[in-house]
């Protein structure tokens, strides 16, 4: 059973930083792609950042230059470093992992609140 456990959310002032973590229950190498998505109340879930096994990354337009996704293979964990946070970044952030011949796996989410 694949499990993804997010942590690191919380309340931060605008302009501040947070680092989110997503730990996998097994080897991170079984996943071809991993990423962070977010969903604000009344909004659709959107891609924040993604990273492949080879380390190739992609970002949503609204977070480019402010957020960084990276992975620590030894810890079976991916991270999302979020800097210069804005009130519009507030959302529940979800970790997603994809592997061949399987449906996507999602974590339960971690809440990020940004005060103005």
PDB file of N, CA and C in Angstrom:
ATOM      1  N   UNK A   1       0.832  -1.177   0.000  1.00  0.00           N
ATOM      2  CA  UNK A   1       0.000   0.000   0.000  1.00  0.00           C
ATOM      3  C   UNK A   1       0.884   1.252   0.000  1.00  0.00           C
ATOM      4  N   UNK A   2       0.734   2.043  -1.038  1.00  0.00           N
ATOM      5  CA  UNK A   2       1.522   3.268  -1.136  1.00  0.00           C
ATOM      6  C   UNK A   2       0.922   4.335  -0.237  1.00  0.00           C
ATOM      7  N   UNK A   3       1.761   4.959   0.532  1.00  0.00           N
ATOM      8  CA  UNK A   3       1.307   6.073   1.366  1.00  0.00           C
ATOM      9  C   UNK A   3       2.202   7.278   1.147  1.00  0.00           C
ATOM     10  N   UNK A   4       1.572   8.430   1.047  1.00  0.00           N
ATOM     11  CA  UNK A   4       2.277   9.696   0.950  1.00  0.00           C
ATOM     12  C   UNK A   4       1.856  10.542   2.139  1.00  0.00           C
ATOM     13  N   UNK A   5       2.819  11.027   2.883  1.00  0.00           N
ATOM     14  CA  UNK A   5       2.507  11.791   4.085  1.00  0.00           C
ATOM     15  C   UNK A   5       3.125  13.172   3.959  1.00  0.00           C
ATOM     16  N   UNK A   6       2.246  14.173   3.894  1.00  0.00           N
ATOM     17  CA  UNK A   6       2.715  15.554   3.795  1.00  0.00           C
ATOM     18  C   UNK A   6       2.873  16.164   5.185  1.00  0.00           C
ATOM     19  N   UNK A   7       3.769  17.114   5.268  1.00  0.00           N
ATOM     20  CA  UNK A   7       3.935  17.874   6.499  1.00  0.00           C
ATOM     21  C   UNK A   7       4.541  19.223   6.154  1.00  0.00           C
ATOM     22  N   UNK A   8       4.507  20.120   7.131  1.00  0.00           N
ATOM     23  CA  UNK A   8       5.161  21.411   6.941  1.00  0.00           C
ATOM     24  C   UNK A   8       4.232  22.585   6.720  1.00  0.00           C
ATOM     25  N   UNK A   9       2.946  22.313   6.580  1.00  0.00           N
ATOM     26  CA  UNK A   9       2.022  23.416   6.407  1.00  0.00           C
ATOM     27  C   UNK A   9       1.864  24.211   7.695  1.00  0.00           C
ATOM     28  N   UNK A  10       1.219  25.357   7.572  1.00  0.00           N
ATOM     29  CA  UNK A  10       0.993  26.183   8.743  1.00  0.00           C
ATOM     30  C   UNK A  10       0.614  27.584   8.358  1.00  0.00           C
ATOM     31  N   UNK A  11       0.673  28.462   9.338  1.00  0.00           N
ATOM     32  CA  UNK A  11       0.334  29.871   9.139  1.00  0.00           C
ATOM     33  C   UNK A  11       1.608  30.678   9.001  1.00  0.00           C
ATOM     34  N   UNK A  12       1.638  31.517   7.979  1.00  0.00           N
ATOM     35  CA  UNK A  12       2.812  32.347   7.745  1.00  0.00           C
ATOM     36  C   UNK A  12       2.335  33.706   7.246  1.00  0.00           C
ATOM     37  N   UNK A  13       3.103  34.726   7.532  1.00  0.00           N
ATOM     38  CA  UNK A  13       2.773  36.052   7.033  1.00  0.00           C
ATOM     39  C   UNK A  13       3.174  36.183   5.565  1.00  0.00           C
ATOM     40  N   UNK A  14       2.496  37.043   4.874  1.00  0.00           N
ATOM     41  CA  UNK A  14       2.859  37.320   3.483  1.00  0.00           C
ATOM     42  C   UNK A  14       4.320  37.729   3.414  1.00  0.00           C
ATOM     43  N   UNK A  15       5.006  37.182   2.426  1.00  0.00           N
ATOM     44  CA  UNK A  15       6.434  37.445   2.296  1.00  0.00           C
ATOM     45  C   UNK A  15       7.302  36.403   2.975  1.00  0.00           C
ATOM     46  N   UNK A  16       6.682  35.571   3.785  1.00  0.00           N
ATOM     47  CA  UNK A  16       7.429  34.558   4.513  1.00  0.00           C
ATOM     48  C   UNK A  16       7.657  33.297   3.702  1.00  0.00           C
ATOM     49  N   UNK A  17       8.205  32.287   4.378  1.00  0.00           N
ATOM     50  CA  UNK A  17       8.568  31.036   3.722  1.00  0.00           C
ATOM     51  C   UNK A  17       8.069  29.839   4.510  1.00  0.00           C
ATOM     52  N   UNK A  18       7.835  28.774   3.794  1.00  0.00           N
ATOM     53  CA  UNK A  18       7.515  27.481   4.385  1.00  0.00           C
ATOM     54  C   UNK A  18       8.166  26.404   3.530  1.00  0.00           C
ATOM     55  N   UNK A  19       8.449  25.273   4.151  1.00  0.00           N
ATOM     56  CA  UNK A  19       8.917  24.128   3.398  1.00  0.00           C
ATOM     57  C   UNK A  19       7.994  22.955   3.672  1.00  0.00           C
ATOM     58  N   UNK A  20       7.432  22.433   2.609  1.00  0.00           N
ATOM     59  CA  UNK A  20       6.567  21.263   2.725  1.00  0.00           C
ATOM     60  C   UNK A  20       7.380  20.001   2.420  1.00  0.00           C
ATOM     61  N   UNK A  21       7.014  18.931   3.088  1.00  0.00           N
ATOM     62  CA  UNK A  21       7.654  17.640   2.854  1.00  0.00           C
ATOM     63  C   UNK A  21       6.607  16.602   2.495  1.00  0.00           C
ATOM     64  N   UNK A  22       6.991  15.680   1.653  1.00  0.00           N
ATOM     65  CA  UNK A  22       6.134  14.556   1.299  1.00  0.00           C
ATOM     66  C   UNK A  22       6.980  13.295   1.365  1.00  0.00           C
ATOM     67  N   UNK A  23       6.710  12.481   2.360  1.00  0.00           N
ATOM     68  CA  UNK A  23       7.464  11.251   2.546  1.00  0.00           C
ATOM     69  C   UNK A  23       6.683  10.067   1.996  1.00  0.00           C
ATOM     70  N   UNK A  24       7.362   9.198   1.277  1.00  0.00           N
ATOM     71  CA  UNK A  24       6.721   8.008   0.730  1.00  0.00           C
ATOM     72  C   UNK A  24       6.933   6.824   1.671  1.00  0.00           C
ATOM     73  N   UNK A  25       6.014   5.890   1.588  1.00  0.00           N
ATOM     74  CA  UNK A  25       6.082   4.743   2.490  1.00  0.00           C
ATOM     75  C   UNK A  25       7.114   3.722   2.047  1.00  0.00           C
ATOM     76  N   UNK A  26       7.531   3.820   0.796  1.00  0.00           N
ATOM     77  CA  UNK A  26       8.541   2.904   0.299  1.00  0.00           C
ATOM     78  C   UNK A  26       9.578   3.659  -0.496  1.00  0.00           C
ATOM     79  N   UNK A  27      10.235   2.951  -1.397  1.00  0.00           N
ATOM     80  CA  UNK A  27      11.260   3.603  -2.201  1.00  0.00           C
ATOM     81  C   UNK A  27      10.658   4.646  -3.126  1.00  0.00           C
ATOM     82  N   UNK A  28      11.295   5.779  -3.171  1.00  0.00           N
ATOM     83  CA  UNK A  28      10.822   6.859  -4.021  1.00  0.00           C
ATOM     84  C   UNK A  28      11.027   6.532  -5.493  1.00  0.00           C
ATOM     85  N   UNK A  29      11.895   5.580  -5.776  1.00  0.00           N
ATOM     86  CA  UNK A  29      12.240   5.276  -7.163  1.00  0.00           C
ATOM     87  C   UNK A  29      11.156   4.506  -7.905  1.00  0.00           C
ATOM     88  N   UNK A  30      10.140   4.029  -7.206  1.00  0.00           N
ATOM     89  CA  UNK A  30       9.046   3.357  -7.909  1.00  0.00           C
ATOM     90  C   UNK A  30       8.160   4.353  -8.624  1.00  0.00           C
ATOM     91  N   UNK A  31       8.301   5.621  -8.307  1.00  0.00           N
ATOM     92  CA  UNK A  31       7.463   6.652  -8.909  1.00  0.00           C
ATOM     93  C   UNK A  31       8.212   7.335 -10.053  1.00  0.00           C
ATOM     94  N   UNK A  32       7.534   7.494 -11.168  1.00  0.00           N
ATOM     95  CA  UNK A  32       8.159   8.176 -12.301  1.00  0.00           C
ATOM     96  C   UNK A  32       8.050   9.691 -12.171  1.00  0.00           C
ATOM     97  N   UNK A  33       6.961  10.122 -11.591  1.00  0.00           N
ATOM     98  CA  UNK A  33       6.741  11.548 -11.409  1.00  0.00           C
ATOM     99  C   UNK A  33       6.134  11.793 -10.033  1.00  0.00           C
ATOM    100  N   UNK A  34       6.562  12.862  -9.416  1.00  0.00           N
ATOM    101  CA  UNK A  34       5.959  13.288  -8.164  1.00  0.00           C
ATOM    102  C   UNK A  34       5.735  14.785  -8.242  1.00  0.00           C
ATOM    103  N   UNK A  35       4.814  15.255  -7.435  1.00  0.00           N
ATOM    104  CA  UNK A  35       4.562  16.678  -7.505  1.00  0.00           C
ATOM    105  C   UNK A  35       3.690  17.186  -6.392  1.00  0.00           C
ATOM    106  N   UNK A  36       3.515  18.470  -6.411  1.00  0.00           N
ATOM    107  CA  UNK A  36       2.660  19.170  -5.460  1.00  0.00           C
ATOM    108  C   UNK A  36       1.523  19.851  -6.222  1.00  0.00           C
ATOM    109  N   UNK A  37       0.347  19.687  -5.692  1.00  0.00           N
ATOM    110  CA  UNK A  37      -0.835  20.367  -6.192  1.00  0.00           C
ATOM    111  C   UNK A  37      -1.450  21.127  -5.032  1.00  0.00           C
ATOM    112  N   UNK A  38      -2.280  22.076  -5.348  1.00  0.00           N
ATOM    113  CA  UNK A  38      -2.972  22.804  -4.295  1.00  0.00           C
ATOM    114  C   UNK A  38      -4.412  23.074  -4.691  1.00  0.00           C
ATOM    115  N   UNK A  39      -5.220  23.231  -3.670  1.00  0.00           N
ATOM    116  CA  UNK A  39      -6.631  23.516  -3.900  1.00  0.00           C
ATOM    117  C   UNK A  39      -7.122  24.493  -2.849  1.00  0.00           C
ATOM    118  N   UNK A  40      -7.568  25.635  -3.312  1.00  0.00           N
ATOM    119  CA  UNK A  40      -8.156  26.639  -2.443  1.00  0.00           C
ATOM    120  C   UNK A  40      -9.673  26.445  -2.431  1.00  0.00           C
ATOM    121  N   UNK A  41     -10.346  26.930  -1.415  1.00  0.00           N
ATOM    122  CA  UNK A  41     -11.807  26.784  -1.347  1.00  0.00           C
ATOM    123  C   UNK A  41     -12.487  27.328  -2.598  1.00  0.00           C
ATOM    124  N   UNK A  42     -13.356  26.524  -3.173  1.00  0.00           N
ATOM    125  CA  UNK A  42     -14.088  26.952  -4.359  1.00  0.00           C
ATOM    126  C   UNK A  42     -13.300  26.918  -5.646  1.00  0.00           C
ATOM    127  N   UNK A  43     -12.062  26.459  -5.567  1.00  0.00           N
ATOM    128  CA  UNK A  43     -11.209  26.424  -6.753  1.00  0.00           C
ATOM    129  C   UNK A  43     -10.899  24.984  -7.135  1.00  0.00           C
ATOM    130  N   UNK A  44     -10.447  24.806  -8.369  1.00  0.00           N
ATOM    131  CA  UNK A  44     -10.017  23.491  -8.804  1.00  0.00           C
ATOM    132  C   UNK A  44      -8.594  23.226  -8.322  1.00  0.00           C
ATOM    133  N   UNK A  45      -8.284  21.957  -8.206  1.00  0.00           N
ATOM    134  CA  UNK A  45      -6.925  21.593  -7.828  1.00  0.00           C
ATOM    135  C   UNK A  45      -5.993  21.925  -8.987  1.00  0.00           C
ATOM    136  N   UNK A  46      -4.858  22.525  -8.662  1.00  0.00           N
ATOM    137  CA  UNK A  46      -3.930  22.941  -9.708  1.00  0.00           C
ATOM    138  C   UNK A  46      -2.517  22.477  -9.409  1.00  0.00           C
ATOM    139  N   UNK A  47      -1.763  22.305 -10.472  1.00  0.00           N
ATOM    140  CA  UNK A  47      -0.366  21.927 -10.336  1.00  0.00           C
ATOM    141  C   UNK A  47       0.440  23.085  -9.768  1.00  0.00           C
ATOM    142  N   UNK A  48       1.240  22.786  -8.769  1.00  0.00           N
ATOM    143  CA  UNK A  48       2.183  23.766  -8.232  1.00  0.00           C
ATOM    144  C   UNK A  48       3.565  23.488  -8.804  1.00  0.00           C
ATOM    145  N   UNK A  49       4.018  22.251  -8.642  1.00  0.00           N
ATOM    146  CA  UNK A  49       5.346  21.878  -9.115  1.00  0.00           C
ATOM    147  C   UNK A  49       5.431  20.377  -9.266  1.00  0.00           C
ATOM    148  N   UNK A  50       6.259  19.937 -10.200  1.00  0.00           N
ATOM    149  CA  UNK A  50       6.460  18.515 -10.405  1.00  0.00           C
ATOM    150  C   UNK A  50       7.934  18.207 -10.581  1.00  0.00           C
ATOM    151  N   UNK A  51       8.293  16.961 -10.292  1.00  0.00           N
ATOM    152  CA  UNK A  51       9.679  16.531 -10.449  1.00  0.00           C
ATOM    153  C   UNK A  51       9.692  15.076 -10.883  1.00  0.00           C
ATOM    154  N   UNK A  52      10.576  14.762 -11.823  1.00  0.00           N
ATOM    155  CA  UNK A  52      10.686  13.396 -12.311  1.00  0.00           C
ATOM    156  C   UNK A  52      11.801  12.652 -11.567  1.00  0.00           C
ATOM    157  N   UNK A  53      11.899  11.369 -11.865  1.00  0.00           N
ATOM    158  CA  UNK A  53      12.957  10.561 -11.241  1.00  0.00           C
ATOM    159  C   UNK A  53      14.331  11.122 -11.581  1.00  0.00           C
ATOM    160  N   UNK A  54      14.463  11.654 -12.792  1.00  0.00           N
ATOM    161  CA  UNK A  54      15.751  12.199 -13.224  1.00  0.00           C
ATOM    162  C   UNK A  54      16.008  13.595 -12.691  1.00  0.00           C
ATOM    163  N   UNK A  55      15.007  14.157 -12.019  1.00  0.00           N
ATOM    164  CA  UNK A  55      15.194  15.480 -11.432  1.00  0.00           C
ATOM    165  C   UNK A  55      14.693  16.639 -12.272  1.00  0.00           C
ATOM    166  N   UNK A  56      14.083  16.330 -13.396  1.00  0.00           N
ATOM    167  CA  UNK A  56      13.517  17.404 -14.220  1.00  0.00           C
ATOM    168  C   UNK A  56      12.310  18.000 -13.502  1.00  0.00           C
ATOM    169  N   UNK A  57      12.218  19.321 -13.520  1.00  0.00           N
ATOM    170  CA  UNK A  57      11.157  19.988 -12.769  1.00  0.00           C
ATOM    171  C   UNK A  57      10.263  20.823 -13.674  1.00  0.00           C
ATOM    172  N   UNK A  58       9.085  21.106 -13.189  1.00  0.00           N
ATOM    173  CA  UNK A  58       8.163  22.011 -13.859  1.00  0.00           C
ATOM    174  C   UNK A  58       7.377  22.734 -12.786  1.00  0.00           C
ATOM    175  N   UNK A  59       6.899  23.942 -13.135  1.00  0.00           N
ATOM    176  CA  UNK A  59       6.206  24.771 -12.156  1.00  0.00           C
ATOM    177  C   UNK A  59       4.972  25.419 -12.762  1.00  0.00           C
ATOM    178  N   UNK A  60       3.990  25.646 -11.913  1.00  0.00           N
ATOM    179  CA  UNK A  60       2.862  26.459 -12.325  1.00  0.00           C
ATOM    180  C   UNK A  60       3.318  27.902 -12.507  1.00  0.00           C
ATOM    181  N   UNK A  61       2.682  28.600 -13.417  1.00  0.00           N
ATOM    182  CA  UNK A  61       3.122  29.958 -13.730  1.00  0.00           C
ATOM    183  C   UNK A  61       3.104  30.878 -12.513  1.00  0.00           C
ATOM    184  N   UNK A  62       2.153  30.691 -11.633  1.00  0.00           N
ATOM    185  CA  UNK A  62       2.001  31.610 -10.511  1.00  0.00           C
ATOM    186  C   UNK A  62       3.081  31.443  -9.439  1.00  0.00           C
ATOM    187  N   UNK A  63       3.840  30.363  -9.502  1.00  0.00           N
ATOM    188  CA  UNK A  63       4.842  30.134  -8.453  1.00  0.00           C
ATOM    189  C   UNK A  63       6.277  30.149  -8.977  1.00  0.00           C
ATOM    190  N   UNK A  64       6.426  30.283 -10.282  1.00  0.00           N
ATOM    191  CA  UNK A  64       7.779  30.287 -10.849  1.00  0.00           C
ATOM    192  C   UNK A  64       8.621  31.394 -10.237  1.00  0.00           C
ATOM    193  N   UNK A  65       9.823  31.031  -9.862  1.00  0.00           N
ATOM    194  CA  UNK A  65      10.733  32.001  -9.262  1.00  0.00           C
ATOM    195  C   UNK A  65      10.579  32.151  -7.763  1.00  0.00           C
ATOM    196  N   UNK A  66       9.518  31.580  -7.205  1.00  0.00           N
ATOM    197  CA  UNK A  66       9.301  31.687  -5.760  1.00  0.00           C
ATOM    198  C   UNK A  66       9.354  30.324  -5.071  1.00  0.00           C
ATOM    199  N   UNK A  67       8.907  29.300  -5.755  1.00  0.00           N
ATOM    200  CA  UNK A  67       8.867  27.950  -5.176  1.00  0.00           C
ATOM    201  C   UNK A  67       9.925  27.075  -5.845  1.00  0.00           C
ATOM    202  N   UNK A  68      10.436  26.137  -5.076  1.00  0.00           N
ATOM    203  CA  UNK A  68      11.397  25.173  -5.598  1.00  0.00           C
ATOM    204  C   UNK A  68      11.024  23.780  -5.123  1.00  0.00           C
ATOM    205  N   UNK A  69      10.944  22.859  -6.060  1.00  0.00           N
ATOM    206  CA  UNK A  69      10.705  21.470  -5.703  1.00  0.00           C
ATOM    207  C   UNK A  69      12.016  20.705  -5.826  1.00  0.00           C
ATOM    208  N   UNK A  70      12.255  19.823  -4.886  1.00  0.00           N
ATOM    209  CA  UNK A  70      13.459  19.005  -4.960  1.00  0.00           C
ATOM    210  C   UNK A  70      13.214  17.715  -4.205  1.00  0.00           C
ATOM    211  N   UNK A  71      14.114  16.781  -4.375  1.00  0.00           N
ATOM    212  CA  UNK A  71      13.920  15.474  -3.777  1.00  0.00           C
ATOM    213  C   UNK A  71      15.168  15.017  -3.052  1.00  0.00           C
ATOM    214  N   UNK A  72      14.963  14.232  -2.031  1.00  0.00           N
ATOM    215  CA  UNK A  72      16.056  13.587  -1.307  1.00  0.00           C
ATOM    216  C   UNK A  72      15.789  12.090  -1.414  1.00  0.00           C
ATOM    217  N   UNK A  73      16.460  11.450  -2.342  1.00  0.00           N
ATOM    218  CA  UNK A  73      16.197  10.027  -2.584  1.00  0.00           C
ATOM    219  C   UNK A  73      16.531   9.161  -1.376  1.00  0.00           C
ATOM    220  N   UNK A  74      17.542   9.541  -0.653  1.00  0.00           N
ATOM    221  CA  UNK A  74      17.934   8.754   0.517  1.00  0.00           C
ATOM    222  C   UNK A  74      16.849   8.759   1.594  1.00  0.00           C
ATOM    223  N   UNK A  75      16.073   9.826   1.626  1.00  0.00           N
ATOM    224  CA  UNK A  75      15.003   9.942   2.620  1.00  0.00           C
ATOM    225  C   UNK A  75      13.631   9.623   2.032  1.00  0.00           C
ATOM    226  N   UNK A  76      13.597   9.234   0.748  1.00  0.00           N
ATOM    227  CA  UNK A  76      12.323   8.936   0.087  1.00  0.00           C
ATOM    228  C   UNK A  76      11.323  10.078   0.269  1.00  0.00           C
ATOM    229  N   UNK A  77      11.808  11.268   0.051  1.00  0.00           N
ATOM    230  CA  UNK A  77      11.004  12.451   0.345  1.00  0.00           C
ATOM    231  C   UNK A  77      11.187  13.500  -0.743  1.00  0.00           C
ATOM    232  N   UNK A  78      10.106  14.177  -1.082  1.00  0.00           N
ATOM    233  CA  UNK A  78      10.223  15.379  -1.899  1.00  0.00           C
ATOM    234  C   UNK A  78       9.836  16.574  -1.061  1.00  0.00           C
ATOM    235  N   UNK A  79      10.329  17.717  -1.470  1.00  0.00           N
ATOM    236  CA  UNK A  79      10.101  18.945  -0.718  1.00  0.00           C
ATOM    237  C   UNK A  79       9.589  20.040  -1.644  1.00  0.00           C
ATOM    238  N   UNK A  80       8.921  20.978  -1.051  1.00  0.00           N
ATOM    239  CA  UNK A  80       8.525  22.184  -1.767  1.00  0.00           C
ATOM    240  C   UNK A  80       8.930  23.372  -0.896  1.00  0.00           C
ATOM    241  N   UNK A  81       9.954  24.047  -1.333  1.00  0.00           N
ATOM    242  CA  UNK A  81      10.381  25.264  -0.638  1.00  0.00           C
ATOM    243  C   UNK A  81       9.584  26.423  -1.213  1.00  0.00           C
ATOM    244  N   UNK A  82       8.843  27.090  -0.362  1.00  0.00           N
ATOM    245  CA  UNK A  82       7.981  28.187  -0.789  1.00  0.00           C
ATOM    246  C   UNK A  82       8.472  29.483  -0.174  1.00  0.00           C
ATOM    247  N   UNK A  83       8.880  30.396  -1.003  1.00  0.00           N
ATOM    248  CA  UNK A  83       9.367  31.697  -0.558  1.00  0.00           C
ATOM    249  C   UNK A  83       8.457  32.795  -1.074  1.00  0.00           C
ATOM    250  N   UNK A  84       8.578  33.953  -0.463  1.00  0.00           N
ATOM    251  CA  UNK A  84       7.784  35.121  -0.877  1.00  0.00           C
ATOM    252  C   UNK A  84       6.302  34.764  -0.990  1.00  0.00           C
ATOM    253  N   UNK A  85       5.806  34.129   0.030  1.00  0.00           N
ATOM    254  CA  UNK A  85       4.420  33.669  -0.012  1.00  0.00           C
ATOM    255  C   UNK A  85       3.440  34.832  -0.082  1.00  0.00           C
ATOM    256  N   UNK A  86       2.382  34.605  -0.805  1.00  0.00           N
ATOM    257  CA  UNK A  86       1.340  35.604  -0.996  1.00  0.00           C
ATOM    258  C   UNK A  86       0.022  35.050  -0.439  1.00  0.00           C
ATOM    259  N   UNK A  87      -0.905  35.917  -0.098  1.00  0.00           N
ATOM    260  CA  UNK A  87      -2.200  35.424   0.385  1.00  0.00           C
ATOM    261  C   UNK A  87      -2.864  34.465  -0.603  1.00  0.00           C
ATOM    262  N   UNK A  88      -2.651  34.664  -1.879  1.00  0.00           N
ATOM    263  CA  UNK A  88      -3.271  33.794  -2.883  1.00  0.00           C
ATOM    264  C   UNK A  88      -2.616  32.413  -2.951  1.00  0.00           C
ATOM    265  N   UNK A  89      -1.529  32.214  -2.226  1.00  0.00           N
ATOM    266  CA  UNK A  89      -0.920  30.883  -2.144  1.00  0.00           C
ATOM    267  C   UNK A  89      -1.609  30.001  -1.107  1.00  0.00           C
ATOM    268  N   UNK A  90      -2.474  30.595  -0.317  1.00  0.00           N
ATOM    269  CA  UNK A  90      -3.162  29.828   0.715  1.00  0.00           C
ATOM    270  C   UNK A  90      -4.039  28.753   0.098  1.00  0.00           C
ATOM    271  N   UNK A  91      -3.881  27.543   0.583  1.00  0.00           N
ATOM    272  CA  UNK A  91      -4.617  26.404   0.029  1.00  0.00           C
ATOM    273  C   UNK A  91      -4.236  25.152   0.806  1.00  0.00           C
ATOM    274  N   UNK A  92      -4.917  24.077   0.500  1.00  0.00           N
ATOM    275  CA  UNK A  92      -4.452  22.769   0.953  1.00  0.00           C
ATOM    276  C   UNK A  92      -3.506  22.250  -0.121  1.00  0.00           C
ATOM    277  N   UNK A  93      -2.330  21.859   0.284  1.00  0.00           N
ATOM    278  CA  UNK A  93      -1.320  21.371  -0.640  1.00  0.00           C
ATOM    279  C   UNK A  93      -1.267  19.848  -0.556  1.00  0.00           C
ATOM    280  N   UNK A  94      -1.325  19.234  -1.727  1.00  0.00           N
ATOM    281  CA  UNK A  94      -1.342  17.784  -1.817  1.00  0.00           C
ATOM    282  C   UNK A  94      -0.113  17.280  -2.566  1.00  0.00           C
ATOM    283  N   UNK A  95       0.402  16.183  -2.082  1.00  0.00           N
ATOM    284  CA  UNK A  95       1.475  15.487  -2.761  1.00  0.00           C
ATOM    285  C   UNK A  95       0.866  14.419  -3.669  1.00  0.00           C
ATOM    286  N   UNK A  96       1.418  14.290  -4.854  1.00  0.00           N
ATOM    287  CA  UNK A  96       0.941  13.291  -5.815  1.00  0.00           C
ATOM    288  C   UNK A  96       2.128  12.506  -6.336  1.00  0.00           C
ATOM    289  N   UNK A  97       1.890  11.197  -6.532  1.00  0.00           N
ATOM    290  CA  UNK A  97       2.942  10.348  -7.078  1.00  0.00           C
ATOM    291  C   UNK A  97       2.361   9.423  -8.131  1.00  0.00           C
ATOM    292  N   UNK A  98       3.079   9.286  -9.224  1.00  0.00           N
ATOM    293  CA  UNK A  98       2.651   8.433 -10.325  1.00  0.00           C
ATOM    294  C   UNK A  98       3.657   7.325 -10.540  1.00  0.00           C
ATOM    295  N   UNK A  99       3.137   6.140 -10.831  1.00  0.00           N
ATOM    296  CA  UNK A  99       4.004   5.043 -11.235  1.00  0.00           C
ATOM    297  C   UNK A  99       3.305   4.283 -12.338  1.00  0.00           C
ATOM    298  N   UNK A 100       4.064   3.570 -13.168  1.00  0.00           N
ATOM    299  CA  UNK A 100       3.475   2.889 -14.310  1.00  0.00           C
ATOM    300  C   UNK A 100       2.383   1.896 -13.919  1.00  0.00           C
ATOM    301  N   UNK A 101       1.344   1.852 -14.751  1.00  0.00           N
ATOM    302  CA  UNK A 101       0.279   0.854 -14.620  1.00  0.00           C
ATOM    303  C   UNK A 101      -0.452   0.955 -13.286  1.00  0.00           C
ATOM    304  N   UNK A 102      -0.545   2.159 -12.773  1.00  0.00           N
ATOM    305  CA  UNK A 102      -1.224   2.353 -11.494  1.00  0.00           C
ATOM    306  C   UNK A 102      -1.940   3.693 -11.533  1.00  0.00           C
ATOM    307  N   UNK A 103      -2.977   3.813 -10.739  1.00  0.00           N
ATOM    308  CA  UNK A 103      -3.656   5.101 -10.621  1.00  0.00           C
ATOM    309  C   UNK A 103      -2.795   6.041  -9.779  1.00  0.00           C
ATOM    310  N   UNK A 104      -2.955   7.344  -9.953  1.00  0.00           N
ATOM    311  CA  UNK A 104      -2.164   8.292  -9.160  1.00  0.00           C
ATOM    312  C   UNK A 104      -2.422   8.132  -7.669  1.00  0.00           C
ATOM    313  N   UNK A 105      -1.384   8.350  -6.919  1.00  0.00           N
ATOM    314  CA  UNK A 105      -1.492   8.310  -5.462  1.00  0.00           C
ATOM    315  C   UNK A 105      -1.442   9.728  -4.917  1.00  0.00           C
ATOM    316  N   UNK A 106      -2.272   9.976  -3.935  1.00  0.00           N
ATOM    317  CA  UNK A 106      -2.357  11.299  -3.327  1.00  0.00           C
ATOM    318  C   UNK A 106      -2.177  11.210  -1.819  1.00  0.00           C
ATOM    319  N   UNK A 107      -1.570  12.235  -1.276  1.00  0.00           N
ATOM    320  CA  UNK A 107      -1.541  12.363   0.169  1.00  0.00           C
ATOM    321  C   UNK A 107      -2.830  13.008   0.650  1.00  0.00           C
ATOM    322  N   UNK A 108      -2.938  13.165   1.948  1.00  0.00           N
ATOM    323  CA  UNK A 108      -4.153  13.728   2.527  1.00  0.00           C
ATOM    324  C   UNK A 108      -4.144  15.249   2.549  1.00  0.00           C
ATOM    325  N   UNK A 109      -2.999  15.831   2.306  1.00  0.00           N
ATOM    326  CA  UNK A 109      -2.913  17.282   2.216  1.00  0.00           C
ATOM    327  C   UNK A 109      -2.416  17.941   3.483  1.00  0.00           C
ATOM    328  N   UNK A 110      -1.852  19.114   3.298  1.00  0.00           N
ATOM    329  CA  UNK A 110      -1.409  19.943   4.419  1.00  0.00           C
ATOM    330  C   UNK A 110      -1.829  21.380   4.131  1.00  0.00           C
ATOM    331  N   UNK A 111      -2.349  22.033   5.146  1.00  0.00           N
ATOM    332  CA  UNK A 111      -2.939  23.361   4.957  1.00  0.00           C
ATOM    333  C   UNK A 111      -1.891  24.450   5.091  1.00  0.00           C
ATOM    334  N   UNK A 112      -1.888  25.336   4.126  1.00  0.00           N
ATOM    335  CA  UNK A 112      -1.037  26.517   4.159  1.00  0.00           C
ATOM    336  C   UNK A 112      -1.931  27.747   4.232  1.00  0.00           C
ATOM    337  N   UNK A 113      -1.707  28.555   5.243  1.00  0.00           N
ATOM    338  CA  UNK A 113      -2.465  29.788   5.420  1.00  0.00           C
ATOM    339  C   UNK A 113      -1.492  30.955   5.382  1.00  0.00           C
ATOM    340  N   UNK A 114      -1.808  31.964   4.598  1.00  0.00           N
ATOM    341  CA  UNK A 114      -0.935  33.121   4.452  1.00  0.00           C
ATOM    342  C   UNK A 114      -1.713  34.367   4.855  1.00  0.00           C
ATOM    343  N   UNK A 115      -1.235  35.021   5.879  1.00  0.00           N
ATOM    344  CA  UNK A 115      -1.910  36.229   6.345  1.00  0.00           C
ATOM    345  C   UNK A 115      -1.325  37.459   5.657  1.00  0.00           C
ATOM    346  N   UNK A 116      -2.184  38.409   5.386  1.00  0.00           N
ATOM    347  CA  UNK A 116      -1.725  39.629   4.693  1.00  0.00           C
ATOM    348  C   UNK A 116      -1.349  40.716   5.682  1.00  0.00           C
TER     349      UNK A 116
END
